[in-house]
Amino acid sequence: MKNDFSSPQRQSLLGIVVMGTDALQTSIRAWLPLFLLWIVQGRIPKLYLALAFVAILIISLIVGYLQYRNFTFYFDTDNDEFILRKGIINKTRIAIPADKIQNVNITQSLLQKIIKVHGLEVDTAGSNKTEVKIKAISHRQALSLKELLLEEARASVGENEENVERPLEQPQHPFIEISLMSLFKTGITSNYIRSFGVLLAFFISMLQYVDDYFRYTDYDGDVYNDFEEIVVKFMAFVLLFIMFLVVVINLFRTIIRYFNFRITKQNNSLLLSYGLINTRNTIIKPQKVQMVSVSRNYFQKKMDINDLKIRQATDIEVSAEKKKHALEIPGVDEQEKQQLLQFLLEKNPERGEELKPNFRKLVLNCFKALVIPLGIYFTVCALWAEAYDYIYFAVFYAVIVSLLVFFGYRNYRLYVNNDFIIKQSGAWDIQNEFVAPHKIHTVKVTQYFWQKGADVAAVKIYTAGGEMAYGVANYTRLKKYVNYWLYQVETAKQHWM
């Protein structure tokens, strides 16, 4: 039996616990630095601190109760709007037209799992954040409300009845399941560039600490000559330990976030369900998919795993931050990748004509990544002679960045055929982005006056899910492609969403 959402109703009574806990966390974050300062300085007796914490706990529960009492939601069938009221002092009424509802996600944090309630989030077009967050309803309520909102959204935009999803509570066989082994492979082979930056910064700071220590102890001698072997061994140990720590943390983060990742077909949509501590359910509709990217590095290629990112339609005026947000599907093998691309893009993309970047792209990247940083370093050396002690790091930086710039330039390509625009990029993690021409909203070609003689320019393709930029490349060929894409947009029979 379905729930009736036509009249205002409150969340589960256990929502008081969830809202009270949120208020408590906010209060602790705000007061924690001051509490720590008082504890260290010993200005306030511990009894008073304990009483202050109890007072904050009681106030948080009161706030949670008031938020529960003032939080109601219902669906206005007369105006086809989902109505939500909230607020303790400042009352807020949110009315979301059904045709603006883009996605409805069911979530469950660790606390919600313990008290056996679910959260529900409604994403809308025209907003850079989630408009509606219901924090405590039963599982059946969440499923019924999600089904109602999606059905009303489809009906309001004129979709056919056969595209309506089956009830979410019906058990279905997963289309794809990401195994724990695949998550393990993803966890130990991703985020290397970010980890490298952290390690390099840590390595430099540790050497600075060693140098400062011997200076403060008035050691008379050359630290790096007298203790070279000790310092090298210590730094090698620190580097290995931090590398191991980064891999372990990244591994646990991947497993906890994507544990039990299941992809289920529901008519013309995919239902994604994943999470160990915070469980999340979200729906992907192929007609709303604007861009799909597939990335993997050398190790992931050997292990036959790929990471997919999917960008669905958002409003044109939505902030760039939300457009960058993408649904991620980690650790899919080659066969699963092909199945997903076939379902989301209606066919497997094939590379067409290849457009290579002009050599000026390489020169520009070298200037930004090598000439400017090294120029700043040697300028500092000229003003501060002791900076020459770190010349080895400058050489190390130059070698690593040169390799990254070279391979990044070599892998940078644009492929164009009748069905897809494919951009390939990356030095270590090679990423391929796919866009169908009929999804294009705007195309912008930029050519500066100093580029006219070389006949080069850059192009930026805008979709409802984000943008794709490529340059510097041959302007004549880019202009030909742009004209063809615009022709495809005007004559295409497919809808962009």
Protein backbone atom coordinates (compact mmCIF):
# COMPACT_ATOMS: atom_id res chain seq x y z
CA MET A 1 0.00 0.00 0.00
CA LYS A 2 1.41 3.35 -1.06
CA ASN A 3 1.75 6.31 1.28
CA ASP A 4 -0.46 9.35 0.76
CA PHE A 5 1.65 12.49 0.37
CA SER A 6 -1.19 14.83 -0.59
CA SER A 7 -1.41 16.32 2.94
CA PRO A 8 1.40 17.80 5.08
CA GLN A 9 3.24 15.23 7.17
CA ARG A 10 6.27 15.11 9.39
CA GLN A 11 9.31 12.90 9.37
CA SER A 12 9.76 9.91 11.61
CA LEU A 13 9.87 10.78 15.33
CA LEU A 14 13.44 9.47 15.30
CA GLY A 15 14.26 12.48 13.15
CA ILE A 16 14.71 14.34 16.43
CA VAL A 17 17.85 12.25 17.01
CA VAL A 18 19.21 12.94 13.51
CA MET A 19 18.51 16.68 13.61
CA GLY A 20 19.74 16.94 17.20
CA THR A 21 22.97 15.19 16.24
CA ASP A 22 23.46 17.59 13.30
CA ALA A 23 22.97 20.54 15.63
CA LEU A 24 25.40 19.00 18.13
CA GLN A 25 28.06 18.52 15.46
CA THR A 26 27.66 22.13 14.33
CA SER A 27 28.01 23.38 17.91
CA ILE A 28 31.06 21.21 18.63
CA ARG A 29 32.81 22.43 15.48
CA ALA A 30 32.13 26.02 16.48
CA TRP A 31 33.22 25.67 20.13
CA LEU A 32 35.94 23.01 19.88
CA PRO A 33 38.91 25.41 19.29
CA LEU A 34 37.86 27.51 22.29
CA PHE A 35 37.35 24.42 24.48
CA LEU A 36 40.78 23.08 23.54
CA LEU A 37 42.35 26.43 24.36
CA TRP A 38 40.67 26.49 27.77
CA ILE A 39 41.72 22.91 28.50
CA VAL A 40 45.36 23.54 27.57
CA GLN A 41 45.55 26.77 29.55
CA GLY A 42 43.64 25.27 32.48
CA ARG A 43 41.59 28.42 33.04
CA ILE A 44 38.26 26.67 33.51
CA PRO A 45 37.70 23.66 35.82
CA LYS A 46 36.87 20.42 34.05
CA LEU A 47 33.54 20.28 35.89
CA TYR A 48 32.46 23.52 34.19
CA LEU A 49 33.57 22.17 30.82
CA ALA A 50 31.53 19.01 31.39
CA LEU A 51 28.50 21.09 32.37
CA ALA A 52 28.99 23.23 29.26
CA PHE A 53 29.03 20.10 27.09
CA VAL A 54 25.85 18.79 28.75
CA ALA A 55 24.20 22.17 28.18
CA ILE A 56 25.16 22.08 24.49
CA LEU A 57 23.80 18.52 24.25
CA ILE A 58 20.45 19.53 25.78
CA ILE A 59 20.19 22.62 23.56
CA SER A 60 20.99 20.51 20.49
CA LEU A 61 18.18 18.07 21.35
CA ILE A 62 15.78 20.98 21.84
CA VAL A 63 16.81 22.43 18.48
CA GLY A 64 16.38 19.00 16.90
CA TYR A 65 12.87 18.71 18.34
CA LEU A 66 11.88 22.19 17.13
CA GLN A 67 13.27 21.43 13.67
CA TYR A 68 11.26 18.19 13.66
CA ARG A 69 8.05 19.98 14.70
CA ASN A 70 8.43 22.69 12.06
CA PHE A 71 9.45 20.40 9.19
CA THR A 72 6.60 19.21 6.96
CA PHE A 73 6.38 18.09 3.36
CA TYR A 74 3.68 17.07 0.87
CA PHE A 75 2.90 16.99 -2.85
CA ASP A 76 0.41 19.55 -4.13
CA THR A 77 -1.43 17.69 -6.89
CA ASP A 78 -3.38 20.80 -7.95
CA ASN A 79 -0.25 22.78 -8.82
CA ASP A 80 2.10 19.82 -9.47
CA GLU A 81 4.53 21.03 -6.82
CA PHE A 82 6.45 19.39 -4.02
CA ILE A 83 6.06 21.61 -0.95
CA LEU A 84 8.43 21.68 2.01
CA ARG A 85 8.21 23.90 5.09
CA LYS A 86 10.97 24.26 7.66
CA GLY A 87 12.59 26.67 10.08
CA ILE A 88 12.38 27.53 13.79
CA ILE A 89 12.51 31.33 13.85
CA ASN A 90 12.82 32.11 10.17
CA LYS A 91 10.17 30.06 8.42
CA THR A 92 10.95 28.80 4.91
CA ARG A 93 8.57 27.47 2.31
CA ILE A 94 10.09 25.69 -0.69
CA ALA A 95 7.90 24.87 -3.68
CA ILE A 96 9.48 22.73 -6.40
CA PRO A 97 7.56 22.28 -9.67
CA ALA A 98 7.48 18.65 -10.76
CA ASP A 99 9.08 19.46 -14.12
CA LYS A 100 12.15 20.88 -12.31
CA ILE A 101 12.86 17.65 -10.42
CA GLN A 102 15.90 16.00 -11.97
CA ASN A 103 16.83 13.29 -9.52
CA VAL A 104 15.73 11.81 -6.22
CA ASN A 105 18.35 10.05 -4.11
CA ILE A 106 17.84 7.85 -1.07
CA THR A 107 20.71 8.06 1.42
CA GLN A 108 21.53 6.44 4.75
CA SER A 109 24.32 7.53 7.08
CA LEU A 110 25.74 5.40 9.89
CA LEU A 111 23.42 7.04 12.45
CA GLN A 112 20.42 6.55 10.16
CA LYS A 113 21.33 2.89 9.79
CA ILE A 114 21.47 2.47 13.57
CA ILE A 115 18.05 4.00 14.18
CA LYS A 116 16.66 2.44 10.95
CA VAL A 117 15.58 5.52 9.02
CA HIS A 118 16.55 6.88 5.59
CA GLY A 119 17.25 10.27 4.09
CA LEU A 120 15.91 11.58 0.80
CA GLU A 121 17.43 14.31 -1.39
CA VAL A 122 15.79 16.04 -4.34
CA ASP A 123 18.02 17.62 -7.01
CA THR A 124 16.47 20.29 -9.19
CA ALA A 125 17.37 22.28 -12.27
CA GLY A 126 18.34 25.87 -11.65
CA SER A 127 20.00 25.37 -8.26
CA ASN A 128 23.65 24.89 -7.34
CA LYS A 129 22.79 22.75 -4.31
CA THR A 130 20.34 20.11 -3.19
CA GLU A 131 17.06 21.95 -2.56
CA VAL A 132 15.32 19.34 -0.40
CA LYS A 133 16.84 17.10 2.25
CA ILE A 134 14.50 14.92 4.29
CA LYS A 135 16.60 13.31 7.00
CA ALA A 136 14.42 10.71 8.68
CA ILE A 137 11.69 8.68 7.00
CA SER A 138 11.07 4.96 6.82
CA HIS A 139 12.38 2.86 3.96
CA ARG A 140 8.88 2.33 2.53
CA GLN A 141 8.13 6.04 2.76
CA ALA A 142 11.37 6.91 0.99
CA LEU A 143 10.66 4.46 -1.84
CA SER A 144 7.06 5.61 -2.24
CA LEU A 145 7.97 9.31 -2.22
CA LYS A 146 10.80 8.76 -4.67
CA GLU A 147 8.52 6.87 -7.04
CA LEU A 148 5.82 9.56 -6.77
CA LEU A 149 8.21 12.44 -7.47
CA LEU A 150 9.82 10.70 -10.44
CA GLU A 151 6.45 9.75 -11.92
CA GLU A 152 5.16 13.31 -11.54
CA ALA A 153 8.37 14.67 -13.03
CA ARG A 154 8.09 12.38 -16.05
CA ALA A 155 4.40 13.19 -16.52
CA SER A 156 5.03 16.94 -16.33
CA VAL A 157 7.62 16.84 -19.14
CA GLY A 158 5.42 14.65 -21.31
CA GLU A 159 7.31 11.36 -21.20
CA ASN A 160 5.51 8.20 -22.23
CA GLU A 161 3.96 5.94 -19.63
CA GLU A 162 6.18 3.00 -20.61
CA ASN A 163 9.20 4.95 -19.41
CA VAL A 164 7.88 5.05 -15.84
CA GLU A 165 10.17 3.10 -13.52
CA ARG A 166 8.97 -0.08 -11.88
CA PRO A 167 8.41 0.17 -8.12
CA LEU A 168 11.81 0.38 -6.45
CA GLU A 169 10.94 -2.22 -3.84
CA GLN A 170 10.67 -4.96 -6.46
CA PRO A 171 13.80 -7.16 -6.31
CA GLN A 172 15.77 -7.18 -9.54
CA HIS A 173 18.96 -8.85 -10.63
CA PRO A 174 21.90 -6.39 -10.72
CA PHE A 175 23.10 -5.39 -14.17
CA ILE A 176 26.67 -4.90 -12.93
CA GLU A 177 28.25 -5.53 -9.52
CA ILE A 178 31.62 -4.01 -8.64
CA SER A 179 33.47 -6.67 -6.67
CA LEU A 180 35.57 -6.00 -3.58
CA MET A 181 38.64 -7.04 -5.57
CA SER A 182 37.91 -4.39 -8.21
CA LEU A 183 37.58 -1.75 -5.48
CA PHE A 184 40.87 -2.96 -4.00
CA LYS A 185 42.59 -2.55 -7.38
CA THR A 186 41.10 0.93 -7.79
CA GLY A 187 42.13 1.98 -4.30
CA ILE A 188 45.79 1.10 -4.75
CA THR A 189 46.14 2.53 -8.26
CA SER A 190 44.38 5.93 -8.16
CA ASN A 191 45.18 9.50 -7.08
CA TYR A 192 48.93 9.18 -7.68
CA ILE A 193 49.42 12.78 -8.84
CA ARG A 194 47.77 14.19 -5.73
CA SER A 195 49.77 11.85 -3.52
CA PHE A 196 52.99 12.89 -5.28
CA GLY A 197 52.33 16.54 -4.46
CA VAL A 198 51.71 15.76 -0.80
CA LEU A 199 54.86 13.63 -0.58
CA LEU A 200 57.02 16.26 -2.26
CA ALA A 201 55.80 18.99 0.10
CA PHE A 202 56.31 16.73 3.11
CA PHE A 203 59.81 15.76 1.96
CA ILE A 204 60.87 19.40 1.59
CA SER A 205 59.41 20.40 4.97
CA MET A 206 61.16 17.49 6.74
CA LEU A 207 64.53 18.54 5.38
CA GLN A 208 63.84 22.07 6.54
CA TYR A 209 63.08 20.78 10.05
CA VAL A 210 66.35 18.81 10.12
CA ASP A 211 68.29 21.86 8.97
CA ASP A 212 66.60 24.10 11.55
CA TYR A 213 67.32 21.59 14.33
CA PHE A 214 71.07 21.64 13.74
CA ARG A 215 71.07 25.42 13.42
CA TYR A 216 69.32 25.85 16.78
CA THR A 217 71.74 23.42 18.44
CA ASP A 218 74.65 25.57 17.19
CA TYR A 219 76.18 22.64 15.35
CA ASP A 220 79.41 23.78 13.71
CA GLY A 221 79.69 22.00 10.40
CA ASP A 222 77.93 21.11 7.21
CA VAL A 223 74.79 19.18 8.10
CA TYR A 224 74.35 17.55 4.71
CA ASN A 225 78.01 16.47 4.42
CA ASP A 226 78.45 15.20 7.98
CA PHE A 227 75.09 13.47 8.27
CA GLU A 228 74.37 12.74 4.64
CA GLU A 229 73.93 9.00 5.10
CA ILE A 230 71.67 9.39 8.16
CA VAL A 231 69.53 12.06 6.51
CA VAL A 232 69.15 10.08 3.27
CA LYS A 233 68.17 6.90 5.11
CA PHE A 234 65.71 8.78 7.32
CA MET A 235 64.11 10.57 4.38
CA ALA A 236 63.88 7.32 2.42
CA PHE A 237 62.11 5.68 5.35
CA VAL A 238 59.74 8.64 5.71
CA LEU A 239 58.92 8.61 2.00
CA LEU A 240 58.22 4.88 1.98
CA PHE A 241 56.07 5.17 5.11
CA ILE A 242 54.05 8.08 3.73
CA MET A 243 53.59 6.32 0.38
CA PHE A 244 52.33 3.26 2.21
CA LEU A 245 50.05 5.41 4.38
CA VAL A 246 48.62 7.26 1.38
CA VAL A 247 47.87 3.98 -0.43
CA VAL A 248 46.20 2.50 2.66
CA ILE A 249 44.08 5.61 3.29
CA ASN A 250 43.04 5.82 -0.34
CA LEU A 251 42.22 2.10 -0.35
CA PHE A 252 39.99 2.35 2.73
CA ARG A 253 38.34 5.50 1.39
CA THR A 254 37.49 3.75 -1.88
CA ILE A 255 36.12 0.63 -0.20
CA ILE A 256 34.08 2.55 2.39
CA ARG A 257 32.62 4.94 -0.18
CA TYR A 258 31.85 2.42 -2.96
CA PHE A 259 31.30 -0.81 -1.02
CA ASN A 260 28.69 -3.16 -2.49
CA PHE A 261 28.37 -1.06 -5.65
CA ARG A 262 25.40 -2.37 -7.63
CA ILE A 263 24.00 -1.16 -10.92
CA THR A 264 20.48 -2.34 -11.69
CA LYS A 265 18.51 -1.81 -14.90
CA GLN A 266 15.03 -0.38 -14.41
CA ASN A 267 13.46 -0.08 -17.83
CA ASN A 268 15.26 2.89 -19.41
CA SER A 269 17.31 3.87 -16.36
CA LEU A 270 20.12 2.63 -14.16
CA LEU A 271 19.80 2.48 -10.38
CA LEU A 272 23.14 2.92 -8.58
CA SER A 273 23.40 1.71 -4.98
CA TYR A 274 26.61 1.85 -2.95
CA GLY A 275 28.25 2.76 0.36
CA LEU A 276 29.41 1.01 3.52
CA ILE A 277 28.80 3.69 6.15
CA ASN A 278 26.77 6.18 4.10
CA THR A 279 24.52 4.28 1.70
CA ARG A 280 23.41 6.10 -1.43
CA ASN A 281 20.89 5.29 -4.14
CA THR A 282 20.66 7.35 -7.31
CA ILE A 283 19.17 6.98 -10.78
CA ILE A 284 20.86 7.66 -14.10
CA LYS A 285 18.67 8.31 -17.13
CA PRO A 286 20.48 7.92 -20.47
CA GLN A 287 18.50 10.75 -22.04
CA LYS A 288 19.83 13.11 -19.36
CA VAL A 289 23.44 11.98 -19.67
CA GLN A 290 25.43 14.80 -21.28
CA MET A 291 29.04 13.67 -20.95
CA VAL A 292 30.76 10.40 -20.10
CA SER A 293 34.45 10.06 -19.35
CA VAL A 294 36.57 6.93 -18.96
CA SER A 295 39.99 7.08 -17.33
CA ARG A 296 42.72 4.66 -16.34
CA ASN A 297 46.48 4.60 -15.85
CA TYR A 298 49.16 2.07 -16.75
CA PHE A 299 48.57 -0.14 -13.70
CA GLN A 300 44.79 -0.03 -14.13
CA LYS A 301 45.21 -1.05 -17.77
CA LYS A 302 47.22 -4.10 -16.71
CA MET A 303 44.58 -4.95 -14.10
CA ASP A 304 41.71 -4.42 -16.57
CA ILE A 305 39.84 -1.76 -14.59
CA ASN A 306 38.40 1.61 -15.64
CA ASP A 307 36.85 4.53 -13.80
CA LEU A 308 33.73 6.08 -15.32
CA LYS A 309 32.35 9.54 -14.62
CA ILE A 310 28.88 10.51 -15.76
CA ARG A 311 27.57 14.06 -15.96
CA GLN A 312 23.83 14.49 -16.22
CA ALA A 313 21.87 17.56 -17.29
CA THR A 314 21.93 20.60 -15.05
CA ASP A 315 20.50 24.04 -15.64
CA ILE A 316 22.53 26.33 -17.91
CA GLU A 317 22.85 28.93 -15.15
CA VAL A 318 23.96 26.47 -12.50
CA SER A 319 27.37 27.19 -11.00
CA ALA A 320 30.45 25.63 -12.52
CA GLU A 321 31.07 23.79 -9.24
CA LYS A 322 27.91 21.71 -9.63
CA LYS A 323 28.62 21.06 -13.31
CA LYS A 324 31.98 19.59 -12.33
CA HIS A 325 30.21 17.17 -10.02
CA ALA A 326 29.88 13.77 -11.66
CA LEU A 327 28.59 10.37 -10.71
CA GLU A 328 31.48 7.93 -10.46
CA ILE A 329 31.52 4.22 -11.24
CA PRO A 330 34.91 2.80 -10.18
CA GLY A 331 36.66 -0.42 -11.10
CA VAL A 332 34.68 -1.66 -14.12
CA ASP A 333 36.42 -4.08 -16.46
CA GLU A 334 36.52 -3.67 -20.24
CA GLN A 335 33.37 -5.68 -20.89
CA GLU A 336 31.40 -3.80 -18.22
CA LYS A 337 32.68 -0.51 -19.60
CA GLN A 338 31.41 -1.41 -23.06
CA GLN A 339 28.02 -2.41 -21.64
CA LEU A 340 27.69 0.89 -19.77
CA LEU A 341 28.73 2.99 -22.75
CA GLN A 342 26.31 1.09 -24.97
CA PHE A 343 23.46 1.72 -22.53
CA LEU A 344 24.27 5.37 -21.72
CA LEU A 345 25.32 6.54 -25.18
CA GLU A 346 23.19 4.12 -27.22
CA LYS A 347 26.30 2.86 -29.02
CA ASN A 348 29.96 2.27 -28.31
CA PRO A 349 32.01 5.33 -29.36
CA GLU A 350 34.58 4.83 -32.11
CA ARG A 351 37.39 7.19 -32.92
CA GLY A 352 37.08 9.13 -36.15
CA GLU A 353 39.29 11.86 -37.60
CA GLU A 354 42.21 12.77 -35.36
CA LEU A 355 43.08 16.37 -34.54
CA LYS A 356 46.49 16.87 -32.94
CA PRO A 357 47.46 19.95 -30.94
CA ASN A 358 49.87 22.49 -32.38
CA PHE A 359 53.42 22.40 -30.99
CA ARG A 360 52.65 25.78 -29.38
CA LYS A 361 50.55 23.81 -26.89
CA LEU A 362 53.74 22.07 -25.71
CA VAL A 363 55.64 25.35 -25.54
CA LEU A 364 52.87 26.99 -23.54
CA ASN A 365 52.67 24.11 -21.05
CA CYS A 366 56.45 24.12 -20.63
CA PHE A 367 56.37 27.85 -19.97
CA LYS A 368 53.65 27.57 -17.32
CA ALA A 369 54.88 24.40 -15.60
CA LEU A 370 58.67 24.80 -15.94
CA VAL A 371 59.88 28.26 -16.88
CA ILE A 372 57.75 30.23 -14.42
CA PRO A 373 58.32 28.02 -11.30
CA LEU A 374 62.03 27.55 -11.97
CA GLY A 375 62.38 31.24 -12.80
CA ILE A 376 60.85 32.10 -9.42
CA TYR A 377 63.18 29.62 -7.69
CA PHE A 378 66.36 31.01 -9.25
CA THR A 379 65.21 34.55 -8.55
CA VAL A 380 64.89 33.58 -4.89
CA CYS A 381 68.35 31.99 -5.08
CA ALA A 382 69.79 35.25 -6.37
CA LEU A 383 68.32 37.10 -3.39
CA TRP A 384 68.88 34.38 -0.81
CA ALA A 385 72.00 32.26 -1.37
CA GLU A 386 70.88 29.49 1.03
CA ALA A 387 68.10 28.58 -1.39
CA TYR A 388 70.76 26.88 -3.53
CA ASP A 389 70.80 24.10 -0.91
CA TYR A 390 67.55 22.88 -2.49
CA ILE A 391 68.87 22.73 -6.05
CA TYR A 392 68.40 18.95 -6.03
CA PHE A 393 64.67 19.41 -5.56
CA ALA A 394 64.59 21.87 -8.44
CA VAL A 395 66.30 19.31 -10.68
CA PHE A 396 63.94 16.58 -9.48
CA TYR A 397 60.95 18.85 -10.13
CA ALA A 398 62.20 19.74 -13.60
CA VAL A 399 62.67 16.08 -14.60
CA ILE A 400 59.26 14.91 -13.30
CA VAL A 401 57.31 17.86 -14.69
CA SER A 402 59.08 17.62 -18.05
CA LEU A 403 57.97 14.00 -18.35
CA LEU A 404 54.40 14.88 -17.36
CA VAL A 405 54.25 17.76 -19.85
CA PHE A 406 55.68 15.62 -22.67
CA PHE A 407 53.35 12.66 -22.14
CA GLY A 408 50.43 15.02 -21.59
CA TYR A 409 51.13 16.62 -24.96
CA ARG A 410 51.58 13.27 -26.68
CA ASN A 411 48.25 11.95 -25.35
CA TYR A 412 46.31 15.15 -26.06
CA ARG A 413 43.99 14.42 -29.00
CA LEU A 414 40.54 15.22 -30.35
CA TYR A 415 38.65 12.58 -32.33
CA VAL A 416 35.59 13.47 -34.38
CA ASN A 417 33.07 11.26 -36.18
CA ASN A 418 29.40 11.53 -37.09
CA ASP A 419 28.18 10.34 -33.68
CA PHE A 420 30.68 11.52 -31.09
CA ILE A 421 33.30 14.05 -30.13
CA ILE A 422 36.05 12.35 -28.13
CA LYS A 423 38.70 14.25 -26.21
CA GLN A 424 41.74 12.33 -24.92
CA SER A 425 43.98 13.91 -22.29
CA GLY A 426 46.27 13.13 -19.38
CA ALA A 427 49.90 12.23 -18.74
CA TRP A 428 49.56 9.33 -16.30
CA ASP A 429 45.80 8.88 -15.97
CA ILE A 430 44.56 8.81 -19.56
CA GLN A 431 41.02 10.15 -19.80
CA ASN A 432 38.61 9.94 -22.74
CA GLU A 433 35.56 12.22 -22.69
CA PHE A 434 32.58 11.49 -24.94
CA VAL A 435 29.99 14.02 -26.12
CA ALA A 436 27.26 13.46 -28.72
CA PRO A 437 26.87 16.49 -31.05
CA HIS A 438 23.11 16.77 -30.46
CA LYS A 439 23.84 17.41 -26.74
CA ILE A 440 25.70 20.62 -27.58
CA HIS A 441 24.19 23.91 -26.41
CA THR A 442 26.93 26.37 -27.38
CA VAL A 443 30.25 26.25 -29.20
CA LYS A 444 32.88 28.93 -28.69
CA VAL A 445 36.01 29.29 -30.82
CA THR A 446 38.75 31.58 -29.48
CA GLN A 447 41.63 32.92 -31.56
CA TYR A 448 43.90 35.66 -30.26
CA PHE A 449 45.45 38.13 -32.68
CA TRP A 450 48.92 36.59 -32.31
CA GLN A 451 47.49 33.19 -33.27
CA LYS A 452 46.10 34.29 -36.64
CA GLY A 453 49.42 34.01 -38.45
CA ALA A 454 49.89 30.44 -37.22
CA ASP A 455 46.23 29.56 -37.99
CA VAL A 456 45.61 28.09 -34.53
CA ALA A 457 42.76 28.51 -32.07
CA ALA A 458 40.93 26.85 -29.17
CA VAL A 459 37.38 25.51 -29.02
CA LYS A 460 35.06 25.11 -26.05
CA ILE A 461 31.91 22.97 -26.23
CA TYR A 462 29.14 23.66 -23.72
CA THR A 463 26.53 21.08 -22.69
CA ALA A 464 23.92 21.02 -19.94
CA GLY A 465 26.26 18.80 -17.91
CA GLY A 466 29.52 20.71 -18.29
CA GLU A 467 31.99 21.77 -20.91
CA MET A 468 34.78 20.33 -23.03
CA ALA A 469 37.72 22.51 -24.10
CA TYR A 470 40.42 21.72 -26.66
CA GLY A 471 43.33 23.81 -27.92
CA VAL A 472 45.69 24.94 -29.31
CA ALA A 473 44.88 23.33 -32.70
CA ASN A 474 44.48 24.10 -36.39
CA TYR A 475 41.85 26.84 -36.77
CA THR A 476 40.74 25.83 -40.27
CA ARG A 477 39.90 22.28 -39.21
CA LEU A 478 38.29 23.44 -35.97
CA LYS A 479 36.03 25.81 -37.88
CA LYS A 480 34.99 22.99 -40.21
CA TYR A 481 34.11 20.77 -37.26
CA VAL A 482 32.20 23.55 -35.49
CA ASN A 483 30.07 24.21 -38.57
CA TYR A 484 29.32 20.52 -38.86
CA TRP A 485 28.38 20.24 -35.17
CA LEU A 486 26.02 23.20 -35.44
CA TYR A 487 24.44 21.60 -38.49
CA GLN A 488 23.97 18.37 -36.52
CA VAL A 489 22.38 20.29 -33.63
CA GLU A 490 19.88 21.92 -35.98
CA THR A 491 18.97 18.75 -37.88
CA ALA A 492 19.17 16.13 -35.11
CA LYS A 493 15.97 14.28 -34.27
CA GLN A 494 17.22 13.22 -30.82
CA HIS A 495 16.49 15.36 -27.80
CA TRP A 496 19.33 16.64 -25.63
CA MET A 497 17.51 15.35 -22.52
